[in-house]
């Protein structure tokens, strides 16, 4: 699992789309997806990127309680573009069940109706609970069910994955 190599693969894909004249807006899911969106925006010389916080749209909000509130207060949704009619690329670090993406779509549609929404993920764990798939995947990964894949960013902005045990 090489997060940096996966990032470069996704960067190349978007770079080709930009060169072809495709118009799109980036919106990263807080936290890992926002890190990826920020770096993509910088590397592609885009003037902005959006951040989507899914805390209040999660279907497990009642169980998360204060954890969800802390997350919501540290990084709120910020979309510096008109969502209506936009081609939006949602960006997340790891796709597993699809529930976070569902929550992100709910939050995005609170801001308007995009023309198209595509999903870009650094890693796809292929264990869906909902019928959601990514349009752009950095890497398909296999991780034991009792572990989670955590994206980390170093001081230079480079990405890496760490495996951690589940706390649930």
C-alpha atoms as a PDB file:
ATOM      1  CA  UNK A   1       0.000   0.000   0.000  1.00  0.00           C
ATOM      2  CA  UNK A   2       1.861   2.992  -1.281  1.00  0.00           C
ATOM      3  CA  UNK A   3      -0.268   6.087  -0.687  1.00  0.00           C
ATOM      4  CA  UNK A   4       2.191   8.400  -2.415  1.00  0.00           C
ATOM      5  CA  UNK A   5       2.278   6.267  -5.567  1.00  0.00           C
ATOM      6  CA  UNK A   6      -1.542   6.075  -5.531  1.00  0.00           C
ATOM      7  CA  UNK A   7      -1.719   9.854  -5.209  1.00  0.00           C
ATOM      8  CA  UNK A   8       0.551  10.335  -8.219  1.00  0.00           C
ATOM      9  CA  UNK A   9      -1.668   8.009 -10.260  1.00  0.00           C
ATOM     10  CA  UNK A  10      -4.743  10.100  -9.405  1.00  0.00           C
ATOM     11  CA  UNK A  11      -2.845  13.341 -10.096  1.00  0.00           C
ATOM     12  CA  UNK A  12      -1.912  12.077 -13.562  1.00  0.00           C
ATOM     13  CA  UNK A  13      -5.541  11.188 -14.306  1.00  0.00           C
ATOM     14  CA  UNK A  14      -6.767  14.660 -13.377  1.00  0.00           C
ATOM     15  CA  UNK A  15      -3.856  16.311 -15.150  1.00  0.00           C
ATOM     16  CA  UNK A  16      -4.907  14.591 -18.387  1.00  0.00           C
ATOM     17  CA  UNK A  17      -8.511  15.709 -17.901  1.00  0.00           C
ATOM     18  CA  UNK A  18      -7.410  19.281 -17.278  1.00  0.00           C
ATOM     19  CA  UNK A  19      -5.239  19.258 -20.418  1.00  0.00           C
ATOM     20  CA  UNK A  20      -8.229  17.954 -22.391  1.00  0.00           C
ATOM     21  CA  UNK A  21     -10.190  21.014 -21.243  1.00  0.00           C
ATOM     22  CA  UNK A  22     -12.507  19.194 -18.836  1.00  0.00           C
ATOM     23  CA  UNK A  23     -14.009  21.475 -16.224  1.00  0.00           C
ATOM     24  CA  UNK A  24     -14.341  20.091 -12.702  1.00  0.00           C
ATOM     25  CA  UNK A  25     -14.431  21.141  -9.073  1.00  0.00           C
ATOM     26  CA  UNK A  26     -12.632  19.245  -6.299  1.00  0.00           C
ATOM     27  CA  UNK A  27     -14.312  18.585  -2.958  1.00  0.00           C
ATOM     28  CA  UNK A  28     -12.443  16.537  -0.365  1.00  0.00           C
ATOM     29  CA  UNK A  29     -14.111  14.780   2.537  1.00  0.00           C
ATOM     30  CA  UNK A  30     -12.716  15.945   5.879  1.00  0.00           C
ATOM     31  CA  UNK A  31      -9.963  15.028   6.859  1.00  0.00           C
ATOM     32  CA  UNK A  32      -7.991  12.728   4.532  1.00  0.00           C
ATOM     33  CA  UNK A  33      -9.958  13.602   1.417  1.00  0.00           C
ATOM     34  CA  UNK A  34      -9.464  17.303   2.138  1.00  0.00           C
ATOM     35  CA  UNK A  35      -5.694  16.762   2.362  1.00  0.00           C
ATOM     36  CA  UNK A  36      -5.754  15.031  -1.026  1.00  0.00           C
ATOM     37  CA  UNK A  37      -7.980  17.724  -2.590  1.00  0.00           C
ATOM     38  CA  UNK A  38      -5.711  20.479  -1.268  1.00  0.00           C
ATOM     39  CA  UNK A  39      -2.587  18.857  -2.712  1.00  0.00           C
ATOM     40  CA  UNK A  40      -4.308  18.110  -6.039  1.00  0.00           C
ATOM     41  CA  UNK A  41      -5.454  21.737  -6.296  1.00  0.00           C
ATOM     42  CA  UNK A  42      -1.884  22.905  -5.666  1.00  0.00           C
ATOM     43  CA  UNK A  43      -0.292  20.420  -8.077  1.00  0.00           C
ATOM     44  CA  UNK A  44      -2.863  21.201 -10.803  1.00  0.00           C
ATOM     45  CA  UNK A  45      -2.633  24.979 -10.246  1.00  0.00           C
ATOM     46  CA  UNK A  46      -6.334  25.210  -9.423  1.00  0.00           C
ATOM     47  CA  UNK A  47      -7.501  28.353  -7.652  1.00  0.00           C
ATOM     48  CA  UNK A  48      -9.597  26.538  -5.044  1.00  0.00           C
ATOM     49  CA  UNK A  49     -10.969  23.287  -3.681  1.00  0.00           C
ATOM     50  CA  UNK A  50     -13.872  22.418  -1.421  1.00  0.00           C
ATOM     51  CA  UNK A  51     -14.111  20.585   1.875  1.00  0.00           C
ATOM     52  CA  UNK A  52     -17.111  18.491   2.868  1.00  0.00           C
ATOM     53  CA  UNK A  53     -17.756  17.561   6.487  1.00  0.00           C
ATOM     54  CA  UNK A  54     -20.157  14.620   6.727  1.00  0.00           C
ATOM     55  CA  UNK A  55     -20.543  14.598  10.523  1.00  0.00           C
ATOM     56  CA  UNK A  56     -24.189  15.685  10.595  1.00  0.00           C
ATOM     57  CA  UNK A  57     -25.255  13.366   7.759  1.00  0.00           C
ATOM     58  CA  UNK A  58     -23.729  10.176   9.104  1.00  0.00           C
ATOM     59  CA  UNK A  59     -26.179   7.359   9.774  1.00  0.00           C
ATOM     60  CA  UNK A  60     -24.222   6.545  12.933  1.00  0.00           C
ATOM     61  CA  UNK A  61     -24.374  10.111  14.292  1.00  0.00           C
ATOM     62  CA  UNK A  62     -26.261   8.977  17.393  1.00  0.00           C
ATOM     63  CA  UNK A  63     -23.496   6.509  18.294  1.00  0.00           C
ATOM     64  CA  UNK A  64     -20.660   8.942  17.463  1.00  0.00           C
ATOM     65  CA  UNK A  65     -22.153  11.778  19.524  1.00  0.00           C
ATOM     66  CA  UNK A  66     -19.452  14.153  20.736  1.00  0.00           C
ATOM     67  CA  UNK A  67     -16.856  12.665  18.383  1.00  0.00           C
ATOM     68  CA  UNK A  68     -18.987  13.784  15.431  1.00  0.00           C
ATOM     69  CA  UNK A  69     -19.440  17.226  16.989  1.00  0.00           C
ATOM     70  CA  UNK A  70     -15.692  17.646  17.519  1.00  0.00           C
ATOM     71  CA  UNK A  71     -15.063  16.661  13.903  1.00  0.00           C
ATOM     72  CA  UNK A  72     -17.742  19.054  12.710  1.00  0.00           C
ATOM     73  CA  UNK A  73     -16.264  21.934  14.658  1.00  0.00           C
ATOM     74  CA  UNK A  74     -12.686  21.401  13.455  1.00  0.00           C
ATOM     75  CA  UNK A  75     -13.418  21.412   9.725  1.00  0.00           C
ATOM     76  CA  UNK A  76     -16.763  22.631   8.450  1.00  0.00           C
ATOM     77  CA  UNK A  77     -18.038  22.269   4.900  1.00  0.00           C
ATOM     78  CA  UNK A  78     -16.636  24.972   2.644  1.00  0.00           C
ATOM     79  CA  UNK A  79     -17.455  24.977  -1.069  1.00  0.00           C
ATOM     80  CA  UNK A  80     -15.919  28.038  -2.788  1.00  0.00           C
ATOM     81  CA  UNK A  81     -17.770  27.337  -6.038  1.00  0.00           C
ATOM     82  CA  UNK A  82     -21.372  27.193  -7.213  1.00  0.00           C
ATOM     83  CA  UNK A  83     -22.488  23.592  -6.772  1.00  0.00           C
ATOM     84  CA  UNK A  84     -25.458  24.064  -9.131  1.00  0.00           C
ATOM     85  CA  UNK A  85     -24.512  22.675 -12.521  1.00  0.00           C
ATOM     86  CA  UNK A  86     -20.908  21.908 -11.515  1.00  0.00           C
ATOM     87  CA  UNK A  87     -18.974  18.757 -12.315  1.00  0.00           C
ATOM     88  CA  UNK A  88     -17.798  17.782  -8.839  1.00  0.00           C
ATOM     89  CA  UNK A  89     -15.141  15.224  -8.016  1.00  0.00           C
ATOM     90  CA  UNK A  90     -15.633  13.991  -4.444  1.00  0.00           C
ATOM     91  CA  UNK A  91     -12.349  12.865  -2.945  1.00  0.00           C
ATOM     92  CA  UNK A  92     -11.884  10.481  -0.022  1.00  0.00           C
ATOM     93  CA  UNK A  93      -8.881   8.631   1.283  1.00  0.00           C
ATOM     94  CA  UNK A  94     -10.379   5.148   1.779  1.00  0.00           C
ATOM     95  CA  UNK A  95     -13.585   3.680   0.368  1.00  0.00           C
ATOM     96  CA  UNK A  96     -14.974   0.819   2.430  1.00  0.00           C
ATOM     97  CA  UNK A  97     -18.713   0.535   3.089  1.00  0.00           C
ATOM     98  CA  UNK A  98     -19.884   3.553   1.076  1.00  0.00           C
ATOM     99  CA  UNK A  99     -21.691   5.077   4.046  1.00  0.00           C
ATOM    100  CA  UNK A 100     -19.367   8.090   4.296  1.00  0.00           C
ATOM    101  CA  UNK A 101     -19.799   8.787   0.579  1.00  0.00           C
ATOM    102  CA  UNK A 102     -23.581   8.626   0.996  1.00  0.00           C
ATOM    103  CA  UNK A 103     -23.316  11.191   3.783  1.00  0.00           C
ATOM    104  CA  UNK A 104     -21.059  13.382   1.602  1.00  0.00           C
ATOM    105  CA  UNK A 105     -23.610  13.329  -1.215  1.00  0.00           C
ATOM    106  CA  UNK A 106     -26.325  14.436   1.228  1.00  0.00           C
ATOM    107  CA  UNK A 107     -24.121  17.309   2.412  1.00  0.00           C
ATOM    108  CA  UNK A 108     -23.171  18.298  -1.149  1.00  0.00           C
ATOM    109  CA  UNK A 109     -26.821  18.412  -2.249  1.00  0.00           C
ATOM    110  CA  UNK A 110     -27.581  20.710   0.704  1.00  0.00           C
ATOM    111  CA  UNK A 111     -25.534  23.290  -1.264  1.00  0.00           C
ATOM    112  CA  UNK A 112     -27.123  22.746  -4.677  1.00  0.00           C
ATOM    113  CA  UNK A 113     -27.588  20.312  -7.520  1.00  0.00           C
ATOM    114  CA  UNK A 114     -24.414  19.429  -9.408  1.00  0.00           C
ATOM    115  CA  UNK A 115     -24.518  18.360 -13.059  1.00  0.00           C
ATOM    116  CA  UNK A 116     -22.303  15.379 -12.263  1.00  0.00           C
ATOM    117  CA  UNK A 117     -20.588  13.862  -9.242  1.00  0.00           C
ATOM    118  CA  UNK A 118     -17.649  11.485  -9.579  1.00  0.00           C
ATOM    119  CA  UNK A 119     -15.816   9.725  -6.772  1.00  0.00           C
ATOM    120  CA  UNK A 120     -12.036   9.561  -6.422  1.00  0.00           C
ATOM    121  CA  UNK A 121     -10.362   7.500  -3.687  1.00  0.00           C
ATOM    122  CA  UNK A 122      -6.769   6.783  -2.807  1.00  0.00           C
ATOM    123  CA  UNK A 123      -7.590   3.248  -1.641  1.00  0.00           C
ATOM    124  CA  UNK A 124     -10.581   0.985  -2.283  1.00  0.00           C
ATOM    125  CA  UNK A 125     -11.087  -1.791   0.287  1.00  0.00           C
ATOM    126  CA  UNK A 126     -13.952  -3.388  -1.694  1.00  0.00           C
ATOM    127  CA  UNK A 127     -16.318  -4.203   1.170  1.00  0.00           C
ATOM    128  CA  UNK A 128     -19.522  -2.281   0.361  1.00  0.00           C
ATOM    129  CA  UNK A 129     -22.699  -2.019   2.357  1.00  0.00           C
ATOM    130  CA  UNK A 130     -24.174   0.394  -0.218  1.00  0.00           C
ATOM    131  CA  UNK A 131     -24.089   0.315  -4.039  1.00  0.00           C
ATOM    132  CA  UNK A 132     -21.308   2.888  -4.367  1.00  0.00           C
ATOM    133  CA  UNK A 133     -18.170   2.591  -6.463  1.00  0.00           C
ATOM    134  CA  UNK A 134     -15.311   4.954  -7.238  1.00  0.00           C
ATOM    135  CA  UNK A 135     -14.709   6.399 -10.694  1.00  0.00           C
ATOM    136  CA  UNK A 136     -11.008   6.910  -9.935  1.00  0.00           C
ATOM    137  CA  UNK A 137      -9.057   4.527  -7.689  1.00  0.00           C
ATOM    138  CA  UNK A 138      -5.430   4.900  -6.708  1.00  0.00           C
ATOM    139  CA  UNK A 139      -5.134   1.331  -5.453  1.00  0.00           C
ATOM    140  CA  UNK A 140      -7.317  -1.685  -4.622  1.00  0.00           C
ATOM    141  CA  UNK A 141      -6.258  -2.942  -1.198  1.00  0.00           C
ATOM    142  CA  UNK A 142      -7.000  -5.928   0.960  1.00  0.00           C
ATOM    143  CA  UNK A 143      -6.969  -5.234   4.687  1.00  0.00           C
ATOM    144  CA  UNK A 144      -8.187  -7.600   7.423  1.00  0.00           C
ATOM    145  CA  UNK A 145     -11.666  -6.707   8.699  1.00  0.00           C
ATOM    146  CA  UNK A 146     -10.315  -6.059  12.200  1.00  0.00           C
ATOM    147  CA  UNK A 147      -8.037  -3.265  10.948  1.00  0.00           C
ATOM    148  CA  UNK A 148      -8.531   0.189   9.509  1.00  0.00           C
ATOM    149  CA  UNK A 149      -6.406   1.968   6.941  1.00  0.00           C
ATOM    150  CA  UNK A 150      -5.400   5.438   8.126  1.00  0.00           C
ATOM    151  CA  UNK A 151      -3.985   8.115   5.837  1.00  0.00           C
ATOM    152  CA  UNK A 152      -1.152  10.163   7.287  1.00  0.00           C
ATOM    153  CA  UNK A 153       0.549  13.280   5.924  1.00  0.00           C
ATOM    154  CA  UNK A 154       4.111  14.207   6.843  1.00  0.00           C
ATOM    155  CA  UNK A 155       5.546  17.712   7.203  1.00  0.00           C
ATOM    156  CA  UNK A 156       6.480  17.755   3.504  1.00  0.00           C
ATOM    157  CA  UNK A 157       2.872  16.913   2.554  1.00  0.00           C
ATOM    158  CA  UNK A 158       3.671  13.361   1.419  1.00  0.00           C
ATOM    159  CA  UNK A 159       1.098  10.644   2.082  1.00  0.00           C
ATOM    160  CA  UNK A 160       1.427   7.232   3.707  1.00  0.00           C
ATOM    161  CA  UNK A 161      -0.962   4.601   5.016  1.00  0.00           C
ATOM    162  CA  UNK A 162      -0.851   3.033   8.462  1.00  0.00           C
ATOM    163  CA  UNK A 163      -2.791  -0.001   9.631  1.00  0.00           C
ATOM    164  CA  UNK A 164      -4.511   0.300  12.990  1.00  0.00           C
ATOM    165  CA  UNK A 165      -6.761  -2.030  14.973  1.00  0.00           C
ATOM    166  CA  UNK A 166     -10.478  -1.223  15.041  1.00  0.00           C
ATOM    167  CA  UNK A 167     -11.772   0.344  18.231  1.00  0.00           C
ATOM    168  CA  UNK A 168     -15.413  -0.655  17.625  1.00  0.00           C
END
